Amino acid sequence: MARIGFIGLGDMGQVIVPRLLEAGHEVTGWNRTPGKADELVAQGMHVAATPAEASSGADLVLSIVTDAAAVRAVALGEDGVLAGLPDSAVYADMSTVSPIASREVNAAFAAADRVMLDAPLSGSPVTVRNGQASVMVGGDHGAYERIRPLLLDIGPKVSYIGGPGLAVQTKLSINLLLMVEVIAFGEAVALAEKGGVEREAVVEAILNSVAASPVLGYRGPFVLEGNMPEKPLADVTLQQKDMTLVLEQGRLLGMPVPLASSANELMNTCRGMGIDSNDFVIAHEAYRRMGGLS
């Protein structure tokens, strides 16, 4: 059993923490909005008043928050993780942020003789619940080896990518692929519909074809009438945040990312149509409207 501090009890925290509790770990959580801890407390999680308090006495501290500003605040703030992290512990941030921001936090921890890793998770609440999520880790390899058994309690696929920031760099590439794949699915379905194919028929055909994938397996059926989830797995705005990070990386590295640009524009289209509160697979509806089907 390990003592784990967990910072950020949003949609992902709500499914990660129960897996850690089920594995027998003692978890102390913190969230900016206290009410989000209620269900997890009922499952055995302790609650801390600050990230520093959640980190005090921990073997491992995990965080998963919205963006780089939030990571800096919870990690380096006056009552942040760094203020309470024992020298024997490891801090692993699972957020999707830019490699530059992650390395800045890593450097601040190193300057204080503490260890920080970037450890983004690839998956949705669905894949985490089903035990199918993967975790990538960047930073000190020895620290990675120490916490790997604990990360395996979150998901069965844990891999070391390389030095600081390289795991979040990889996560952005994976999200680029995922985004383009889901948007291309919406485009393909809408094209078939425009040609006279029933939506149910083309979705079934795609999911039974060589083009099928895990993400289309659980997200594809959302486009069927009445199947769109009331609570998105990742809404348009959240997913577009990742695409802006990809576009920024492309600019900084001098790397062309034209499909990321197209995906970003489709998300702008969804926002302009006022359908952005939905899961980003709603791009299918945007194509339908642009094609005169809705």
Protein backbone atom coordinates (compact mmCIF):
# COMPACT_ATOMS: atom_id res chain seq x y z
CA MET A 1 0.00 0.00 0.00
CA ALA A 2 1.19 3.50 -0.83
CA ARG A 3 0.16 6.93 0.39
CA ILE A 4 -0.95 8.92 -2.62
CA GLY A 5 -1.88 12.57 -2.88
CA PHE A 6 -4.24 13.40 -5.73
CA ILE A 7 -4.71 16.94 -7.02
CA GLY A 8 -7.66 17.65 -9.29
CA LEU A 9 -10.92 15.75 -8.84
CA GLY A 10 -12.59 16.59 -12.13
CA ASP A 11 -13.91 14.06 -14.65
CA MET A 12 -10.64 12.12 -14.83
CA GLY A 13 -9.90 12.32 -11.12
CA GLN A 14 -13.35 10.90 -10.44
CA VAL A 15 -12.43 7.67 -12.24
CA ILE A 16 -8.72 7.44 -11.40
CA VAL A 17 -9.02 7.79 -7.62
CA PRO A 18 -11.45 4.84 -7.25
CA ARG A 19 -8.97 2.58 -9.05
CA LEU A 20 -6.25 3.61 -6.60
CA LEU A 21 -8.56 3.03 -3.65
CA GLU A 22 -9.59 -0.38 -5.00
CA ALA A 23 -5.90 -1.30 -5.25
CA GLY A 24 -5.59 -0.69 -1.50
CA HIS A 25 -3.78 2.66 -1.52
CA GLU A 26 -4.45 5.46 0.94
CA VAL A 27 -5.51 8.48 -1.12
CA THR A 28 -5.74 12.07 0.04
CA GLY A 29 -7.32 14.38 -2.51
CA TRP A 30 -7.67 18.08 -3.11
CA ASN A 31 -9.78 20.03 -5.56
CA ARG A 32 -10.37 23.73 -6.05
CA THR A 33 -14.14 23.05 -5.83
CA PRO A 34 -14.54 21.02 -2.61
CA GLY A 35 -17.92 19.49 -3.52
CA LYS A 36 -16.33 17.29 -6.16
CA ALA A 37 -14.73 15.23 -3.40
CA ASP A 38 -18.00 14.04 -1.85
CA GLU A 39 -18.48 10.81 -3.82
CA LEU A 40 -14.82 9.91 -3.47
CA VAL A 41 -14.90 10.50 0.28
CA ALA A 42 -17.76 8.01 0.45
CA GLN A 43 -15.43 5.51 -1.21
CA GLY A 44 -12.64 6.08 1.33
CA MET A 45 -10.64 9.05 0.09
CA HIS A 46 -9.36 11.61 2.60
CA VAL A 47 -9.62 15.32 1.85
CA ALA A 48 -6.88 17.93 2.23
CA ALA A 49 -7.31 21.68 2.54
CA THR A 50 -4.42 22.46 0.17
CA PRO A 51 -2.22 20.68 -2.38
CA ALA A 52 0.64 20.97 0.14
CA GLU A 53 -1.40 19.14 2.75
CA ALA A 54 -2.34 16.42 0.24
CA SER A 55 1.36 15.99 -0.53
CA SER A 56 2.58 15.87 3.05
CA GLY A 57 3.61 12.33 3.98
CA ALA A 58 2.85 10.99 0.49
CA ASP A 59 4.91 8.48 -1.46
CA LEU A 60 3.48 9.71 -4.74
CA VAL A 61 1.51 12.82 -5.67
CA LEU A 62 -0.51 12.88 -8.88
CA SER A 63 -2.21 15.86 -10.46
CA ILE A 64 -4.51 16.20 -13.42
CA VAL A 65 -5.80 19.72 -14.02
CA THR A 66 -7.01 21.83 -16.92
CA ASP A 67 -4.00 23.71 -18.25
CA ALA A 68 -0.45 24.94 -17.63
CA ALA A 69 -1.58 27.84 -15.42
CA ALA A 70 -3.42 25.38 -13.17
CA VAL A 71 -0.39 23.05 -13.06
CA ARG A 72 1.88 25.92 -12.01
CA ALA A 73 -0.60 27.01 -9.35
CA VAL A 74 -1.09 23.59 -7.75
CA ALA A 75 2.57 22.58 -8.08
CA LEU A 76 4.46 25.79 -7.29
CA GLY A 77 1.96 27.97 -5.44
CA GLU A 78 2.42 29.02 -1.82
CA ASP A 79 0.43 25.99 -0.65
CA GLY A 80 1.34 23.86 -3.64
CA VAL A 81 2.73 20.37 -4.01
CA LEU A 82 6.35 21.51 -3.79
CA ALA A 83 5.69 23.11 -0.40
CA GLY A 84 4.58 19.79 1.10
CA LEU A 85 6.32 17.06 -0.92
CA PRO A 86 8.69 14.87 1.14
CA ASP A 87 12.19 14.53 -0.30
CA SER A 88 11.62 10.78 -0.78
CA ALA A 89 8.40 11.24 -2.77
CA VAL A 90 7.70 11.70 -6.48
CA TYR A 91 5.35 14.21 -8.06
CA ALA A 92 3.84 13.14 -11.40
CA ASP A 93 1.66 15.52 -13.36
CA MET A 94 -0.86 13.79 -15.62
CA SER A 95 -2.23 16.96 -17.24
CA THR A 96 -2.05 17.68 -20.96
CA VAL A 97 0.11 20.81 -21.20
CA SER A 98 2.90 22.12 -23.38
CA PRO A 99 6.34 20.48 -23.03
CA ILE A 100 7.83 23.91 -22.25
CA ALA A 101 5.46 24.45 -19.31
CA SER A 102 6.09 20.93 -18.01
CA ARG A 103 9.87 21.39 -18.17
CA GLU A 104 9.61 24.68 -16.29
CA VAL A 105 7.83 22.94 -13.41
CA ASN A 106 10.30 20.06 -13.57
CA ALA A 107 13.20 22.52 -13.28
CA ALA A 108 11.62 24.22 -10.25
CA PHE A 109 11.31 20.87 -8.48
CA ALA A 110 14.87 19.89 -9.39
CA ALA A 111 16.13 23.19 -7.98
CA ALA A 112 14.47 22.27 -4.70
CA ASP A 113 15.96 18.74 -4.78
CA ARG A 114 12.58 17.18 -5.49
CA VAL A 115 11.48 14.93 -8.36
CA MET A 116 8.78 15.82 -10.85
CA LEU A 117 7.71 13.66 -13.82
CA ASP A 118 5.32 14.38 -16.67
CA ALA A 119 2.93 11.43 -16.81
CA PRO A 120 -0.02 12.21 -19.09
CA LEU A 121 -2.78 9.67 -19.37
CA SER A 122 -4.15 8.60 -22.75
CA GLY A 123 -7.79 7.66 -22.48
CA SER A 124 -11.23 8.88 -21.53
CA PRO A 125 -13.28 8.24 -18.38
CA VAL A 126 -14.67 5.21 -20.23
CA THR A 127 -11.25 3.66 -20.87
CA VAL A 128 -10.07 4.39 -17.32
CA ARG A 129 -13.14 2.70 -15.83
CA ASN A 130 -12.62 -0.28 -18.10
CA GLY A 131 -8.97 -0.57 -17.10
CA GLN A 132 -7.74 0.23 -20.61
CA ALA A 133 -6.01 3.61 -20.16
CA SER A 134 -2.31 4.08 -20.80
CA VAL A 135 0.20 6.29 -19.02
CA MET A 136 3.35 7.75 -20.57
CA VAL A 137 6.16 9.06 -18.38
CA GLY A 138 8.95 11.55 -18.97
CA GLY A 139 11.75 12.54 -16.60
CA ASP A 140 14.10 10.71 -14.27
CA HIS A 141 14.13 7.01 -15.15
CA GLY A 142 14.85 5.87 -11.60
CA ALA A 143 11.80 7.75 -10.32
CA TYR A 144 9.73 6.21 -13.11
CA GLU A 145 10.77 2.72 -12.03
CA ARG A 146 9.79 3.52 -8.44
CA ILE A 147 6.26 4.63 -9.27
CA ARG A 148 5.56 2.31 -12.21
CA PRO A 149 3.82 -0.34 -10.05
CA LEU A 150 1.47 2.35 -8.72
CA LEU A 151 0.70 3.67 -12.19
CA LEU A 152 -0.17 0.14 -13.27
CA ASP A 153 -3.05 0.31 -10.79
CA ILE A 154 -4.51 3.07 -12.97
CA GLY A 155 -4.07 1.30 -16.31
CA PRO A 156 -2.27 -1.74 -17.72
CA LYS A 157 -0.04 0.12 -20.17
CA VAL A 158 2.70 2.27 -18.62
CA SER A 159 5.69 3.30 -20.69
CA TYR A 160 8.81 5.40 -20.25
CA ILE A 161 9.21 7.90 -23.10
CA GLY A 162 12.42 9.73 -22.20
CA GLY A 163 13.55 12.96 -20.59
CA PRO A 164 11.43 15.75 -19.07
CA GLY A 165 8.61 16.96 -21.30
CA LEU A 166 8.83 14.12 -23.80
CA ALA A 167 5.79 12.30 -22.43
CA VAL A 168 3.54 15.36 -22.87
CA GLN A 169 5.11 15.86 -26.31
CA THR A 170 4.02 12.32 -27.16
CA LYS A 171 0.55 12.87 -25.65
CA LEU A 172 -0.01 15.86 -27.93
CA SER A 173 0.87 13.73 -30.95
CA ILE A 174 -1.55 11.03 -29.82
CA ASN A 175 -4.29 13.61 -29.31
CA LEU A 176 -3.61 14.99 -32.78
CA LEU A 177 -4.12 11.53 -34.26
CA LEU A 178 -7.23 10.90 -32.17
CA MET A 179 -8.74 14.27 -33.09
CA VAL A 180 -8.16 13.83 -36.81
CA GLU A 181 -9.47 10.26 -36.71
CA VAL A 182 -12.75 11.20 -35.02
CA ILE A 183 -13.29 14.21 -37.30
CA ALA A 184 -12.54 12.11 -40.40
CA PHE A 185 -15.10 9.60 -39.13
CA GLY A 186 -17.72 12.34 -38.95
CA GLU A 187 -16.81 13.50 -42.45
CA ALA A 188 -17.01 9.96 -43.83
CA VAL A 189 -20.39 9.25 -42.23
CA ALA A 190 -21.85 12.55 -43.44
CA LEU A 191 -20.59 11.91 -46.99
CA ALA A 192 -22.23 8.47 -47.05
CA GLU A 193 -25.47 9.96 -45.72
CA LYS A 194 -25.42 12.62 -48.44
CA GLY A 195 -25.11 9.80 -50.97
CA GLY A 196 -28.21 8.07 -49.61
CA VAL A 197 -26.79 5.58 -47.08
CA GLU A 198 -28.62 5.25 -43.76
CA ARG A 199 -26.51 6.52 -40.88
CA GLU A 200 -26.86 3.34 -38.86
CA ALA A 201 -25.71 1.29 -41.84
CA VAL A 202 -22.56 3.31 -42.55
CA VAL A 203 -21.59 3.48 -38.86
CA GLU A 204 -21.94 -0.29 -38.55
CA ALA A 205 -19.94 -0.80 -41.75
CA ILE A 206 -17.11 1.44 -40.53
CA LEU A 207 -16.97 -0.23 -37.13
CA ASN A 208 -16.78 -3.63 -38.84
CA SER A 209 -14.07 -2.52 -41.28
CA VAL A 210 -10.29 -2.29 -41.18
CA ALA A 211 -10.74 1.43 -40.41
CA ALA A 212 -12.21 0.62 -36.99
CA SER A 213 -10.26 1.52 -33.85
CA PRO A 214 -10.84 1.53 -30.07
CA VAL A 215 -11.78 5.21 -30.04
CA LEU A 216 -14.29 4.78 -32.84
CA GLY A 217 -15.60 1.65 -31.13
CA TYR A 218 -16.94 3.59 -28.16
CA ARG A 219 -17.32 7.07 -29.70
CA GLY A 220 -18.67 6.16 -33.12
CA PRO A 221 -22.15 5.11 -31.92
CA PHE A 222 -22.59 8.56 -30.33
CA VAL A 223 -23.52 9.96 -33.75
CA LEU A 224 -26.60 7.71 -33.95
CA GLU A 225 -29.90 9.41 -33.16
CA GLY A 226 -30.36 9.81 -29.41
CA ASN A 227 -26.94 8.34 -28.51
CA MET A 228 -24.98 11.56 -27.86
CA PRO A 229 -23.92 11.45 -24.18
CA GLU A 230 -25.49 14.08 -21.94
CA LYS A 231 -22.09 14.53 -20.30
CA PRO A 232 -19.35 14.72 -22.96
CA LEU A 233 -16.24 12.58 -22.63
CA ALA A 234 -14.35 15.60 -24.00
CA ASP A 235 -16.29 18.60 -25.22
CA VAL A 236 -15.32 20.78 -28.18
CA THR A 237 -13.59 23.46 -26.10
CA LEU A 238 -11.49 20.99 -24.12
CA GLN A 239 -10.40 19.12 -27.21
CA GLN A 240 -9.64 22.34 -29.07
CA LYS A 241 -7.33 23.35 -26.21
CA ASP A 242 -5.16 20.37 -27.10
CA MET A 243 -5.19 21.30 -30.79
CA THR A 244 -3.96 24.81 -29.97
CA LEU A 245 -1.08 23.19 -28.07
CA VAL A 246 -0.31 21.04 -31.11
CA LEU A 247 -0.38 24.07 -33.41
CA GLU A 248 1.94 25.93 -31.06
CA GLN A 249 4.36 22.99 -31.06
CA GLY A 250 4.29 22.96 -34.84
CA ARG A 251 5.15 26.64 -34.91
CA LEU A 252 7.96 26.32 -32.37
CA LEU A 253 9.48 23.25 -34.02
CA GLY A 254 9.01 24.36 -37.61
CA MET A 255 6.91 21.26 -38.22
CA PRO A 256 3.92 21.34 -40.58
CA VAL A 257 0.69 20.11 -38.96
CA PRO A 258 -1.98 20.81 -41.60
CA LEU A 259 -4.40 18.18 -40.29
CA ALA A 260 -4.24 19.76 -36.84
CA SER A 261 -5.12 23.09 -38.46
CA SER A 262 -8.12 21.50 -40.18
CA ALA A 263 -9.24 19.86 -36.95
CA ASN A 264 -8.97 23.17 -35.14
CA GLU A 265 -11.11 24.85 -37.81
CA LEU A 266 -13.77 22.17 -37.46
CA MET A 267 -13.90 22.91 -33.74
CA ASN A 268 -14.28 26.61 -34.57
CA THR A 269 -17.16 25.62 -36.83
CA CYS A 270 -18.83 23.68 -34.01
CA ARG A 271 -18.47 26.66 -31.70
CA GLY A 272 -19.87 28.99 -34.34
CA MET A 273 -22.88 26.71 -34.74
CA GLY A 274 -23.43 26.69 -30.98
CA ILE A 275 -23.00 22.92 -30.60
CA ASP A 276 -19.71 23.07 -28.68
CA SER A 277 -21.15 21.86 -25.36
CA ASN A 278 -21.24 18.36 -26.87
CA ASP A 279 -18.55 15.72 -27.16
CA PHE A 280 -16.25 16.66 -30.03
CA VAL A 281 -17.63 13.81 -32.16
CA ILE A 282 -20.36 16.40 -32.82
CA ALA A 283 -18.13 17.40 -35.75
CA HIS A 284 -20.31 14.92 -37.66
CA GLU A 285 -23.29 17.25 -37.13
CA ALA A 286 -21.22 20.20 -38.34
CA TYR A 287 -20.52 18.32 -41.57
CA ARG A 288 -24.20 17.48 -41.95
CA ARG A 289 -25.18 21.12 -41.62
CA MET A 290 -22.51 22.31 -44.03
CA GLY A 291 -23.64 19.64 -46.50
CA GLY A 292 -27.29 20.66 -46.27
CA LEU A 293 -28.42 17.54 -44.40
CA SER A 294 -29.64 19.31 -41.25
